[in-house]
Amino acid sequence: MPTSENDLHYMRIALEQAKLSEPITSAYCVGAVIVKNDTILATGYSRELPGNTHAEECKKCCVDRIKEIGIPRVVIGCGEPDKFVKCYGIENLKEFGIEVVLVKELEEECLKCNKHLGI
């Protein structure tokens, strides 16, 4: 099934956010956009806040928070490579009944944001 224009649009915004991340050798550069009814509620990226060590322990805190606040659908640009640890985020989201959509059209561009890691 082709990706919707909306998903492509917001994924491109997430990619621009990811490009703002300072590349480091111990973590990915990731961007995020929270959208409701075609309105952007929030954006963010890895290491946006000074001293932020979010996700350094690779726990499923994001999955738990997504479930807790009732986000029904998550759109991703690529699965997390097993560079640091095996990631189960997609599986965890699906276990909670959250729809996960992969935007394959931008997968290569998403991985390029992390070329500093050799992936």
PDB file of N, CA and C in Angstrom:
ATOM      1  N   MET A   1       0.845  -1.181   0.000  1.00  0.00           N
ATOM      2  CA  MET A   1       0.000   0.000   0.000  1.00  0.00           C
ATOM      3  C   MET A   1       0.893   1.248   0.000  1.00  0.00           C
ATOM      4  N   PRO A   2       0.676   2.173  -0.927  1.00  0.00           N
ATOM      5  CA  PRO A   2       1.498   3.380  -0.972  1.00  0.00           C
ATOM      6  C   PRO A   2       1.280   4.260   0.259  1.00  0.00           C
ATOM      7  N   THR A   3       2.319   4.976   0.621  1.00  0.00           N
ATOM      8  CA  THR A   3       2.247   5.872   1.770  1.00  0.00           C
ATOM      9  C   THR A   3       1.415   7.100   1.425  1.00  0.00           C
ATOM     10  N   SER A   4       0.612   7.558   2.373  1.00  0.00           N
ATOM     11  CA  SER A   4      -0.221   8.742   2.124  1.00  0.00           C
ATOM     12  C   SER A   4       0.653   9.992   2.033  1.00  0.00           C
ATOM     13  N   GLU A   5       0.138  10.995   1.347  1.00  0.00           N
ATOM     14  CA  GLU A   5       0.858  12.272   1.229  1.00  0.00           C
ATOM     15  C   GLU A   5       1.060  12.911   2.604  1.00  0.00           C
ATOM     16  N   ASN A   6       0.077  12.774   3.494  1.00  0.00           N
ATOM     17  CA  ASN A   6       0.218  13.317   4.849  1.00  0.00           C
ATOM     18  C   ASN A   6       1.367  12.660   5.593  1.00  0.00           C
ATOM     19  N   ASP A   7       1.435  11.325   5.519  1.00  0.00           N
ATOM     20  CA  ASP A   7       2.520  10.619   6.204  1.00  0.00           C
ATOM     21  C   ASP A   7       3.876  11.043   5.652  1.00  0.00           C
ATOM     22  N   LEU A   8       3.980  11.171   4.339  1.00  0.00           N
ATOM     23  CA  LEU A   8       5.235  11.619   3.726  1.00  0.00           C
ATOM     24  C   LEU A   8       5.588  13.037   4.188  1.00  0.00           C
ATOM     25  N   HIS A   9       4.600  13.905   4.215  1.00  0.00           N
ATOM     26  CA  HIS A   9       4.820  15.297   4.628  1.00  0.00           C
ATOM     27  C   HIS A   9       5.371  15.365   6.057  1.00  0.00           C
ATOM     28  N   TYR A  10       4.702  14.704   6.979  1.00  0.00           N
ATOM     29  CA  TYR A  10       5.134  14.772   8.376  1.00  0.00           C
ATOM     30  C   TYR A  10       6.434  14.011   8.612  1.00  0.00           C
ATOM     31  N   MET A  11       6.674  12.945   7.848  1.00  0.00           N
ATOM     32  CA  MET A  11       7.943  12.232   7.980  1.00  0.00           C
ATOM     33  C   MET A  11       9.096  13.115   7.505  1.00  0.00           C
ATOM     34  N   ARG A  12       8.862  13.908   6.478  1.00  0.00           N
ATOM     35  CA  ARG A  12       9.907  14.841   6.020  1.00  0.00           C
ATOM     36  C   ARG A  12      10.216  15.886   7.101  1.00  0.00           C
ATOM     37  N   ILE A  13       9.211  16.318   7.817  1.00  0.00           N
ATOM     38  CA  ILE A  13       9.440  17.248   8.932  1.00  0.00           C
ATOM     39  C   ILE A  13      10.253  16.552  10.025  1.00  0.00           C
ATOM     40  N   ALA A  14       9.927  15.301  10.318  1.00  0.00           N
ATOM     41  CA  ALA A  14      10.692  14.537  11.310  1.00  0.00           C
ATOM     42  C   ALA A  14      12.147  14.378  10.861  1.00  0.00           C
ATOM     43  N   LEU A  15      12.359  14.165   9.576  1.00  0.00           N
ATOM     44  CA  LEU A  15      13.726  14.063   9.046  1.00  0.00           C
ATOM     45  C   LEU A  15      14.490  15.371   9.247  1.00  0.00           C
ATOM     46  N   GLU A  16      13.836  16.487   9.009  1.00  0.00           N
ATOM     47  CA  GLU A  16      14.489  17.785   9.231  1.00  0.00           C
ATOM     48  C   GLU A  16      14.846  17.947  10.709  1.00  0.00           C
ATOM     49  N   GLN A  17      13.986  17.468  11.586  1.00  0.00           N
ATOM     50  CA  GLN A  17      14.288  17.495  13.016  1.00  0.00           C
ATOM     51  C   GLN A  17      15.506  16.616  13.322  1.00  0.00           C
ATOM     52  N   ALA A  18      15.545  15.424  12.746  1.00  0.00           N
ATOM     53  CA  ALA A  18      16.667  14.507  12.984  1.00  0.00           C
ATOM     54  C   ALA A  18      17.989  15.135  12.560  1.00  0.00           C
ATOM     55  N   LYS A  19      17.966  15.890  11.488  1.00  0.00           N
ATOM     56  CA  LYS A  19      19.192  16.531  10.982  1.00  0.00           C
ATOM     57  C   LYS A  19      19.719  17.600  11.934  1.00  0.00           C
ATOM     58  N   LEU A  20      18.896  18.047  12.871  1.00  0.00           N
ATOM     59  CA  LEU A  20      19.339  19.011  13.879  1.00  0.00           C
ATOM     60  C   LEU A  20      20.094  18.338  15.024  1.00  0.00           C
ATOM     61  N   SER A  21      20.012  17.011  15.104  1.00  0.00           N
ATOM     62  CA  SER A  21      20.674  16.260  16.169  1.00  0.00           C
ATOM     63  C   SER A  21      22.184  16.317  15.994  1.00  0.00           C
ATOM     64  N   GLU A  22      22.877  16.542  17.090  1.00  0.00           N
ATOM     65  CA  GLU A  22      24.335  16.488  17.046  1.00  0.00           C
ATOM     66  C   GLU A  22      24.756  15.025  16.917  1.00  0.00           C
ATOM     67  N   PRO A  23      25.490  14.677  15.854  1.00  0.00           N
ATOM     68  CA  PRO A  23      25.923  13.282  15.704  1.00  0.00           C
ATOM     69  C   PRO A  23      26.919  12.892  16.803  1.00  0.00           C
ATOM     70  N   ILE A  24      26.661  11.766  17.438  1.00  0.00           N
ATOM     71  CA  ILE A  24      27.598  11.193  18.405  1.00  0.00           C
ATOM     72  C   ILE A  24      27.718   9.706  18.108  1.00  0.00           C
ATOM     73  N   THR A  25      28.789   9.092  18.578  1.00  0.00           N
ATOM     74  CA  THR A  25      29.037   7.685  18.239  1.00  0.00           C
ATOM     75  C   THR A  25      28.252   6.700  19.094  1.00  0.00           C
ATOM     76  N   SER A  26      27.565   7.185  20.117  1.00  0.00           N
ATOM     77  CA  SER A  26      26.878   6.265  21.027  1.00  0.00           C
ATOM     78  C   SER A  26      25.354   6.287  20.919  1.00  0.00           C
ATOM     79  N   ALA A  27      24.812   7.020  19.930  1.00  0.00           N
ATOM     80  CA  ALA A  27      23.349   7.089  19.825  1.00  0.00           C
ATOM     81  C   ALA A  27      22.932   7.546  18.434  1.00  0.00           C
ATOM     82  N   TYR A  28      21.688   7.236  18.108  1.00  0.00           N
ATOM     83  CA  TYR A  28      21.121   7.629  16.816  1.00  0.00           C
ATOM     84  C   TYR A  28      20.690   9.092  16.824  1.00  0.00           C
ATOM     85  N   CYS A  29      20.578   9.652  15.631  1.00  0.00           N
ATOM     86  CA  CYS A  29      19.959  10.962  15.426  1.00  0.00           C
ATOM     87  C   CYS A  29      18.529  10.699  14.968  1.00  0.00           C
ATOM     88  N   VAL A  30      17.572  11.106  15.777  1.00  0.00           N
ATOM     89  CA  VAL A  30      16.166  10.809  15.521  1.00  0.00           C
ATOM     90  C   VAL A  30      15.353  12.097  15.623  1.00  0.00           C
ATOM     91  N   GLY A  31      14.385  12.245  14.742  1.00  0.00           N
ATOM     92  CA  GLY A  31      13.451  13.362  14.811  1.00  0.00           C
ATOM     93  C   GLY A  31      12.046  12.840  15.036  1.00  0.00           C
ATOM     94  N   ALA A  32      11.203  13.676  15.611  1.00  0.00           N
ATOM     95  CA  ALA A  32       9.825  13.256  15.879  1.00  0.00           C
ATOM     96  C   ALA A  32       8.866  14.420  15.686  1.00  0.00           C
ATOM     97  N   VAL A  33       7.651  14.074  15.291  1.00  0.00           N
ATOM     98  CA  VAL A  33       6.573  15.042  15.125  1.00  0.00           C
ATOM     99  C   VAL A  33       5.311  14.395  15.686  1.00  0.00           C
ATOM    100  N   ILE A  34       4.613  15.092  16.548  1.00  0.00           N
ATOM    101  CA  ILE A  34       3.327  14.608  17.048  1.00  0.00           C
ATOM    102  C   ILE A  34       2.245  15.431  16.360  1.00  0.00           C
ATOM    103  N   VAL A  35       1.327  14.727  15.693  1.00  0.00           N
ATOM    104  CA  VAL A  35       0.295  15.372  14.880  1.00  0.00           C
ATOM    105  C   VAL A  35      -1.079  14.866  15.313  1.00  0.00           C
ATOM    106  N   LYS A  36      -2.028  15.777  15.411  1.00  0.00           N
ATOM    107  CA  LYS A  36      -3.415  15.397  15.677  1.00  0.00           C
ATOM    108  C   LYS A  36      -4.306  16.236  14.777  1.00  0.00           C
ATOM    109  N   ASN A  37      -5.155  15.571  14.009  1.00  0.00           N
ATOM    110  CA  ASN A  37      -6.074  16.257  13.091  1.00  0.00           C
ATOM    111  C   ASN A  37      -5.344  17.255  12.190  1.00  0.00           C
ATOM    112  N   ASP A  38      -4.235  16.813  11.622  1.00  0.00           N
ATOM    113  CA  ASP A  38      -3.412  17.631  10.716  1.00  0.00           C
ATOM    114  C   ASP A  38      -2.827  18.886  11.363  1.00  0.00           C
ATOM    115  N   THR A  39      -2.734  18.894  12.672  1.00  0.00           N
ATOM    116  CA  THR A  39      -2.096  19.994  13.391  1.00  0.00           C
ATOM    117  C   THR A  39      -0.876  19.451  14.124  1.00  0.00           C
ATOM    118  N   ILE A  40       0.272  20.077  13.919  1.00  0.00           N
ATOM    119  CA  ILE A  40       1.484  19.661  14.630  1.00  0.00           C
ATOM    120  C   ILE A  40       1.391  20.156  16.068  1.00  0.00           C
ATOM    121  N   LEU A  41       1.436  19.213  17.001  1.00  0.00           N
ATOM    122  CA  LEU A  41       1.381  19.544  18.423  1.00  0.00           C
ATOM    123  C   LEU A  41       2.773  19.741  19.008  1.00  0.00           C
ATOM    124  N   ALA A  42       3.752  18.980  18.485  1.00  0.00           N
ATOM    125  CA  ALA A  42       5.110  19.061  19.027  1.00  0.00           C
ATOM    126  C   ALA A  42       6.099  18.477  18.026  1.00  0.00           C
ATOM    127  N   THR A  43       7.332  18.952  18.120  1.00  0.00           N
ATOM    128  CA  THR A  43       8.440  18.378  17.360  1.00  0.00           C
ATOM    129  C   THR A  43       9.612  18.218  18.315  1.00  0.00           C
ATOM    130  N   GLY A  44      10.547  17.390  17.923  1.00  0.00           N
ATOM    131  CA  GLY A  44      11.728  17.221  18.752  1.00  0.00           C
ATOM    132  C   GLY A  44      12.769  16.380  18.053  1.00  0.00           C
ATOM    133  N   TYR A  45      13.953  16.351  18.641  1.00  0.00           N
ATOM    134  CA  TYR A  45      15.039  15.555  18.070  1.00  0.00           C
ATOM    135  C   TYR A  45      16.011  15.128  19.165  1.00  0.00           C
ATOM    136  N   SER A  46      16.800  14.150  18.845  1.00  0.00           N
ATOM    137  CA  SER A  46      17.777  13.606  19.786  1.00  0.00           C
ATOM    138  C   SER A  46      18.726  14.694  20.274  1.00  0.00           C
ATOM    139  N   ARG A  47      18.963  14.707  21.570  1.00  0.00           N
ATOM    140  CA  ARG A  47      19.895  15.630  22.204  1.00  0.00           C
ATOM    141  C   ARG A  47      19.511  17.101  22.025  1.00  0.00           C
ATOM    142  N   GLU A  48      18.234  17.345  21.844  1.00  0.00           N
ATOM    143  CA  GLU A  48      17.736  18.720  21.678  1.00  0.00           C
ATOM    144  C   GLU A  48      17.978  19.547  22.939  1.00  0.00           C
ATOM    145  N   LEU A  49      17.806  18.929  24.082  1.00  0.00           N
ATOM    146  CA  LEU A  49      17.970  19.632  25.351  1.00  0.00           C
ATOM    147  C   LEU A  49      19.330  19.309  25.960  1.00  0.00           C
ATOM    148  N   PRO A  50      20.067  20.305  26.430  1.00  0.00           N
ATOM    149  CA  PRO A  50      21.374  20.047  27.042  1.00  0.00           C
ATOM    150  C   PRO A  50      21.255  19.057  28.205  1.00  0.00           C
ATOM    151  N   GLY A  51      22.167  18.093  28.225  1.00  0.00           N
ATOM    152  CA  GLY A  51      22.169  17.103  29.300  1.00  0.00           C
ATOM    153  C   GLY A  51      21.140  16.009  29.151  1.00  0.00           C
ATOM    154  N   ASN A  52      20.379  16.023  28.074  1.00  0.00           N
ATOM    155  CA  ASN A  52      19.340  15.016  27.859  1.00  0.00           C
ATOM    156  C   ASN A  52      19.980  13.698  27.454  1.00  0.00           C
ATOM    157  N   THR A  53      19.784  12.666  28.243  1.00  0.00           N
ATOM    158  CA  THR A  53      20.330  11.342  27.933  1.00  0.00           C
ATOM    159  C   THR A  53      19.215  10.367  27.588  1.00  0.00           C
ATOM    160  N   HIS A  54      18.132  10.887  27.052  1.00  0.00           N
ATOM    161  CA  HIS A  54      16.977  10.063  26.699  1.00  0.00           C
ATOM    162  C   HIS A  54      17.376   8.872  25.850  1.00  0.00           C
ATOM    163  N   ALA A  55      16.805   7.738  26.149  1.00  0.00           N
ATOM    164  CA  ALA A  55      16.952   6.488  25.391  1.00  0.00           C
ATOM    165  C   ALA A  55      18.340   5.881  25.477  1.00  0.00           C
ATOM    166  N   GLU A  56      19.200   6.400  26.308  1.00  0.00           N
ATOM    167  CA  GLU A  56      20.538   5.824  26.404  1.00  0.00           C
ATOM    168  C   GLU A  56      20.508   4.414  26.988  1.00  0.00           C
ATOM    169  N   GLU A  57      19.481   4.102  27.738  1.00  0.00           N
ATOM    170  CA  GLU A  57      19.377   2.770  28.312  1.00  0.00           C
ATOM    171  C   GLU A  57      18.505   1.849  27.473  1.00  0.00           C
ATOM    172  N   CYS A  58      18.015   2.339  26.347  1.00  0.00           N
ATOM    173  CA  CYS A  58      17.225   1.554  25.388  1.00  0.00           C
ATOM    174  C   CYS A  58      16.016   0.877  26.023  1.00  0.00           C
ATOM    175  N   LYS A  59      15.379   1.554  26.956  1.00  0.00           N
ATOM    176  CA  LYS A  59      14.150   1.023  27.542  1.00  0.00           C
ATOM    177  C   LYS A  59      12.975   1.420  26.670  1.00  0.00           C
ATOM    178  N   LYS A  60      11.856   0.801  26.908  1.00  0.00           N
ATOM    179  CA  LYS A  60      10.688   1.078  26.072  1.00  0.00           C
ATOM    180  C   LYS A  60       9.826   2.208  26.637  1.00  0.00           C
ATOM    181  N   CYS A  61      10.494   3.239  27.156  1.00  0.00           N
ATOM    182  CA  CYS A  61       9.755   4.356  27.767  1.00  0.00           C
ATOM    183  C   CYS A  61       8.858   5.065  26.760  1.00  0.00           C
ATOM    184  N   CYS A  62       9.326   5.213  25.528  1.00  0.00           N
ATOM    185  CA  CYS A  62       8.494   5.894  24.522  1.00  0.00           C
ATOM    186  C   CYS A  62       7.240   5.079  24.225  1.00  0.00           C
ATOM    187  N   VAL A  63       7.393   3.778  24.108  1.00  0.00           N
ATOM    188  CA  VAL A  63       6.245   2.910  23.837  1.00  0.00           C
ATOM    189  C   VAL A  63       5.234   3.023  24.976  1.00  0.00           C
ATOM    190  N   ASP A  64       5.717   2.974  26.198  1.00  0.00           N
ATOM    191  CA  ASP A  64       4.814   3.082  27.346  1.00  0.00           C
ATOM    192  C   ASP A  64       4.094   4.428  27.361  1.00  0.00           C
ATOM    193  N   ARG A  65       4.811   5.491  27.049  1.00  0.00           N
ATOM    194  CA  ARG A  65       4.201   6.825  27.050  1.00  0.00           C
ATOM    195  C   ARG A  65       3.182   6.960  25.921  1.00  0.00           C
ATOM    196  N   ILE A  66       3.505   6.426  24.743  1.00  0.00           N
ATOM    197  CA  ILE A  66       2.576   6.454  23.606  1.00  0.00           C
ATOM    198  C   ILE A  66       1.276   5.748  23.980  1.00  0.00           C
ATOM    199  N   LYS A  67       1.409   4.592  24.624  1.00  0.00           N
ATOM    200  CA  LYS A  67       0.221   3.847  25.058  1.00  0.00           C
ATOM    201  C   LYS A  67      -0.552   4.643  26.110  1.00  0.00           C
ATOM    202  N   GLU A  68       0.179   5.168  27.080  1.00  0.00           N
ATOM    203  CA  GLU A  68      -0.436   5.880  28.204  1.00  0.00           C
ATOM    204  C   GLU A  68      -1.277   7.076  27.751  1.00  0.00           C
ATOM    205  N   ILE A  69      -0.797   7.832  26.775  1.00  0.00           N
ATOM    206  CA  ILE A  69      -1.544   9.021  26.357  1.00  0.00           C
ATOM    207  C   ILE A  69      -2.503   8.748  25.203  1.00  0.00           C
ATOM    208  N   GLY A  70      -2.511   7.507  24.715  1.00  0.00           N
ATOM    209  CA  GLY A  70      -3.527   7.108  23.747  1.00  0.00           C
ATOM    210  C   GLY A  70      -3.245   7.437  22.293  1.00  0.00           C
ATOM    211  N   ILE A  71      -1.982   7.496  21.922  1.00  0.00           N
ATOM    212  CA  ILE A  71      -1.660   7.709  20.507  1.00  0.00           C
ATOM    213  C   ILE A  71      -1.976   6.407  19.771  1.00  0.00           C
ATOM    214  N   PRO A  72      -2.897   6.437  18.799  1.00  0.00           N
ATOM    215  CA  PRO A  72      -3.336   5.198  18.153  1.00  0.00           C
ATOM    216  C   PRO A  72      -2.474   4.735  16.980  1.00  0.00           C
ATOM    217  N   ARG A  73      -1.603   5.628  16.483  1.00  0.00           N
ATOM    218  CA  ARG A  73      -0.897   5.334  15.236  1.00  0.00           C
ATOM    219  C   ARG A  73       0.485   5.980  15.270  1.00  0.00           C
ATOM    220  N   VAL A  74       1.498   5.204  14.901  1.00  0.00           N
ATOM    221  CA  VAL A  74       2.874   5.701  14.857  1.00  0.00           C
ATOM    222  C   VAL A  74       3.418   5.450  13.461  1.00  0.00           C
ATOM    223  N   VAL A  75       3.976   6.495  12.864  1.00  0.00           N
ATOM    224  CA  VAL A  75       4.559   6.400  11.529  1.00  0.00           C
ATOM    225  C   VAL A  75       6.069   6.486  11.688  1.00  0.00           C
ATOM    226  N   ILE A  76       6.790   5.515  11.117  1.00  0.00           N
ATOM    227  CA  ILE A  76       8.246   5.476  11.249  1.00  0.00           C
ATOM    228  C   ILE A  76       8.901   5.479   9.870  1.00  0.00           C
ATOM    229  N   GLY A  77      10.128   5.979   9.832  1.00  0.00           N
ATOM    230  CA  GLY A  77      10.860   6.021   8.570  1.00  0.00           C
ATOM    231  C   GLY A  77      11.719   4.801   8.342  1.00  0.00           C
ATOM    232  N   CYS A  78      12.097   4.123   9.429  1.00  0.00           N
ATOM    233  CA  CYS A  78      12.870   2.880   9.318  1.00  0.00           C
ATOM    234  C   CYS A  78      12.839   2.187  10.670  1.00  0.00           C
ATOM    235  N   GLY A  79      13.101   0.900  10.643  1.00  0.00           N
ATOM    236  CA  GLY A  79      13.251   0.178  11.893  1.00  0.00           C
ATOM    237  C   GLY A  79      14.608   0.521  12.478  1.00  0.00           C
ATOM    238  N   GLU A  80      14.748   0.423  13.782  1.00  0.00           N
ATOM    239  CA  GLU A  80      16.025   0.738  14.417  1.00  0.00           C
ATOM    240  C   GLU A  80      17.019  -0.387  14.166  1.00  0.00           C
ATOM    241  N   PRO A  81      18.149  -0.069  13.537  1.00  0.00           N
ATOM    242  CA  PRO A  81      19.165  -1.104  13.313  1.00  0.00           C
ATOM    243  C   PRO A  81      19.688  -1.639  14.650  1.00  0.00           C
ATOM    244  N   ASP A  82      20.211  -2.848  14.624  1.00  0.00           N
ATOM    245  CA  ASP A  82      20.736  -3.490  15.841  1.00  0.00           C
ATOM    246  C   ASP A  82      22.173  -3.049  16.125  1.00  0.00           C
ATOM    247  N   LYS A  83      22.468  -1.783  15.951  1.00  0.00           N
ATOM    248  CA  LYS A  83      23.825  -1.253  16.143  1.00  0.00           C
ATOM    249  C   LYS A  83      24.262  -1.361  17.601  1.00  0.00           C
ATOM    250  N   PHE A  84      23.366  -1.031  18.523  1.00  0.00           N
ATOM    251  CA  PHE A  84      23.710  -1.017  19.941  1.00  0.00           C
ATOM    252  C   PHE A  84      23.088  -2.189  20.689  1.00  0.00           C
ATOM    253  N   VAL A  85      21.804  -2.364  20.547  1.00  0.00           N
ATOM    254  CA  VAL A  85      21.080  -3.476  21.162  1.00  0.00           C
ATOM    255  C   VAL A  85      19.945  -3.871  20.228  1.00  0.00           C
ATOM    256  N   LYS A  86      19.367  -5.030  20.461  1.00  0.00           N
ATOM    257  CA  LYS A  86      18.188  -5.455  19.705  1.00  0.00           C
ATOM    258  C   LYS A  86      17.011  -4.614  20.191  1.00  0.00           C
ATOM    259  N   CYS A  87      16.342  -3.957  19.261  1.00  0.00           N
ATOM    260  CA  CYS A  87      15.224  -3.074  19.602  1.00  0.00           C
ATOM    261  C   CYS A  87      13.893  -3.781  19.344  1.00  0.00           C
ATOM    262  N   TYR A  88      12.993  -3.673  20.290  1.00  0.00           N
ATOM    263  CA  TYR A  88      11.680  -4.308  20.173  1.00  0.00           C
ATOM    264  C   TYR A  88      10.547  -3.286  20.157  1.00  0.00           C
ATOM    265  N   GLY A  89      10.861  -2.024  19.883  1.00  0.00           N
ATOM    266  CA  GLY A  89       9.854  -0.966  19.930  1.00  0.00           C
ATOM    267  C   GLY A  89       8.663  -1.209  19.026  1.00  0.00           C
ATOM    268  N   ILE A  90       8.915  -1.607  17.783  1.00  0.00           N
ATOM    269  CA  ILE A  90       7.817  -1.844  16.842  1.00  0.00           C
ATOM    270  C   ILE A  90       6.928  -2.973  17.342  1.00  0.00           C
ATOM    271  N   GLU A  91       7.558  -4.053  17.784  1.00  0.00           N
ATOM    272  CA  GLU A  91       6.785  -5.184  18.299  1.00  0.00           C
ATOM    273  C   GLU A  91       5.977  -4.778  19.523  1.00  0.00           C
ATOM    274  N   ASN A  92       6.601  -3.985  20.422  1.00  0.00           N
ATOM    275  CA  ASN A  92       5.896  -3.530  21.624  1.00  0.00           C
ATOM    276  C   ASN A  92       4.693  -2.667  21.276  1.00  0.00           C
ATOM    277  N   LEU A  93       4.849  -1.762  20.319  1.00  0.00           N
ATOM    278  CA  LEU A  93       3.721  -0.930  19.893  1.00  0.00           C
ATOM    279  C   LEU A  93       2.576  -1.791  19.382  1.00  0.00           C
ATOM    280  N   LYS A  94       2.909  -2.747  18.526  1.00  0.00           N
ATOM    281  CA  LYS A  94       1.879  -3.623  17.953  1.00  0.00           C
ATOM    282  C   LYS A  94       1.195  -4.459  19.026  1.00  0.00           C
ATOM    283  N   GLU A  95       1.962  -4.912  20.019  1.00  0.00           N
ATOM    284  CA  GLU A  95       1.376  -5.689  21.121  1.00  0.00           C
ATOM    285  C   GLU A  95       0.316  -4.875  21.867  1.00  0.00           C
ATOM    286  N   PHE A  96       0.508  -3.564  21.930  1.00  0.00           N
ATOM    287  CA  PHE A  96      -0.453  -2.678  22.598  1.00  0.00           C
ATOM    288  C   PHE A  96      -1.591  -2.272  21.676  1.00  0.00           C
ATOM    289  N   GLY A  97      -1.618  -2.801  20.450  1.00  0.00           N
ATOM    290  CA  GLY A  97      -2.689  -2.488  19.510  1.00  0.00           C
ATOM    291  C   GLY A  97      -2.511  -1.163  18.788  1.00  0.00           C
ATOM    292  N   ILE A  98      -1.300  -0.637  18.815  1.00  0.00           N
ATOM    293  CA  ILE A  98      -1.010   0.631  18.142  1.00  0.00           C
ATOM    294  C   ILE A  98      -0.595   0.333  16.706  1.00  0.00           C
ATOM    295  N   GLU A  99      -1.222   1.030  15.768  1.00  0.00           N
ATOM    296  CA  GLU A  99      -0.895   0.840  14.357  1.00  0.00           C
ATOM    297  C   GLU A  99       0.491   1.431  14.079  1.00  0.00           C
ATOM    298  N   VAL A 100       1.335   0.658  13.397  1.00  0.00           N
ATOM    299  CA  VAL A 100       2.671   1.117  13.020  1.00  0.00           C
ATOM    300  C   VAL A 100       2.756   1.131  11.501  1.00  0.00           C
ATOM    301  N   VAL A 101       3.096   2.294  10.947  1.00  0.00           N
ATOM    302  CA  VAL A 101       3.198   2.468   9.500  1.00  0.00           C
ATOM    303  C   VAL A 101       4.650   2.784   9.155  1.00  0.00           C
ATOM    304  N   LEU A 102       5.234   2.002   8.265  1.00  0.00           N
ATOM    305  CA  LEU A 102       6.601   2.240   7.798  1.00  0.00           C
ATOM    306  C   LEU A 102       6.548   3.001   6.481  1.00  0.00           C
ATOM    307  N   VAL A 103       7.205   4.149   6.439  1.00  0.00           N
ATOM    308  CA  VAL A 103       7.277   4.965   5.229  1.00  0.00           C
ATOM    309  C   VAL A 103       8.518   4.519   4.453  1.00  0.00           C
ATOM    310  N   LYS A 104       8.359   3.449   3.689  1.00  0.00           N
ATOM    311  CA  LYS A 104       9.491   2.860   2.970  1.00  0.00           C
ATOM    312  C   LYS A 104      10.134   3.836   1.991  1.00  0.00           C
ATOM    313  N   GLU A 105       9.338   4.758   1.457  1.00  0.00           N
ATOM    314  CA  GLU A 105       9.855   5.706   0.475  1.00  0.00           C
ATOM    315  C   GLU A 105      10.974   6.589   1.038  1.00  0.00           C
ATOM    316  N   LEU A 106      11.024   6.766   2.357  1.00  0.00           N
ATOM    317  CA  LEU A 106      12.032   7.627   2.972  1.00  0.00           C
ATOM    318  C   LEU A 106      13.018   6.860   3.855  1.00  0.00           C
ATOM    319  N   GLU A 107      12.971   5.537   3.787  1.00  0.00           N
ATOM    320  CA  GLU A 107      13.824   4.711   4.644  1.00  0.00           C
ATOM    321  C   GLU A 107      15.310   5.016   4.447  1.00  0.00           C
ATOM    322  N   GLU A 108      15.742   5.101   3.211  1.00  0.00           N
ATOM    323  CA  GLU A 108      17.155   5.365   2.930  1.00  0.00           C
ATOM    324  C   GLU A 108      17.572   6.740   3.462  1.00  0.00           C
ATOM    325  N   GLU A 109      16.711   7.730   3.280  1.00  0.00           N
ATOM    326  CA  GLU A 109      17.011   9.074   3.781  1.00  0.00           C
ATOM    327  C   GLU A 109      17.083   9.088   5.309  1.00  0.00           C
ATOM    328  N   CYS A 110      16.231   8.317   5.956  1.00  0.00           N
ATOM    329  CA  CYS A 110      16.267   8.227   7.419  1.00  0.00           C
ATOM    330  C   CYS A 110      17.586   7.627   7.895  1.00  0.00           C
ATOM    331  N   LEU A 111      18.033   6.594   7.221  1.00  0.00           N
ATOM    332  CA  LEU A 111      19.297   5.964   7.606  1.00  0.00           C
ATOM    333  C   LEU A 111      20.481   6.898   7.370  1.00  0.00           C
ATOM    334  N   LYS A 112      20.397   7.754   6.360  1.00  0.00           N
ATOM    335  CA  LYS A 112      21.482   8.706   6.074  1.00  0.00           C
ATOM    336  C   LYS A 112      21.710   9.663   7.238  1.00  0.00           C
ATOM    337  N   CYS A 113      20.687   9.941   8.007  1.00  0.00           N
ATOM    338  CA  CYS A 113      20.844  10.815   9.176  1.00  0.00           C
ATOM    339  C   CYS A 113      21.820  10.220  10.188  1.00  0.00           C
ATOM    340  N   ASN A 114      22.091   8.932  10.040  1.00  0.00           N
ATOM    341  CA  ASN A 114      22.969   8.230  10.978  1.00  0.00           C
ATOM    342  C   ASN A 114      24.189   7.627  10.297  1.00  0.00           C
ATOM    343  N   LYS A 115      24.593   8.233   9.192  1.00  0.00           N
ATOM    344  CA  LYS A 115      25.754   7.714   8.458  1.00  0.00           C
ATOM    345  C   LYS A 115      27.022   7.771   9.305  1.00  0.00           C
ATOM    346  N   HIS A 116      27.057   8.669  10.302  1.00  0.00           N
ATOM    347  CA  HIS A 116      28.217   8.754  11.196  1.00  0.00           C
ATOM    348  C   HIS A 116      28.416   7.467  11.998  1.00  0.00           C
ATOM    349  N   LEU A 117      27.387   6.630  12.060  1.00  0.00           N
ATOM    350  CA  LEU A 117      27.469   5.362  12.793  1.00  0.00           C
ATOM    351  C   LEU A 117      27.851   4.193  11.891  1.00  0.00           C
ATOM    352  N   GLY A 118      28.027   4.476  10.616  1.00  0.00           N
ATOM    353  CA  GLY A 118      28.408   3.417   9.679  1.00  0.00           C
ATOM    354  C   GLY A 118      27.266   2.496   9.301  1.00  0.00           C
ATOM    355  N   ILE A 119      26.032   2.991   9.374  1.00  0.00           N
ATOM    356  CA  ILE A 119      24.886   2.160   8.981  1.00  0.00           C
ATOM    357  C   ILE A 119      24.300   2.638   7.670  1.00  0.00           C
TER     358      ILE A 119
END
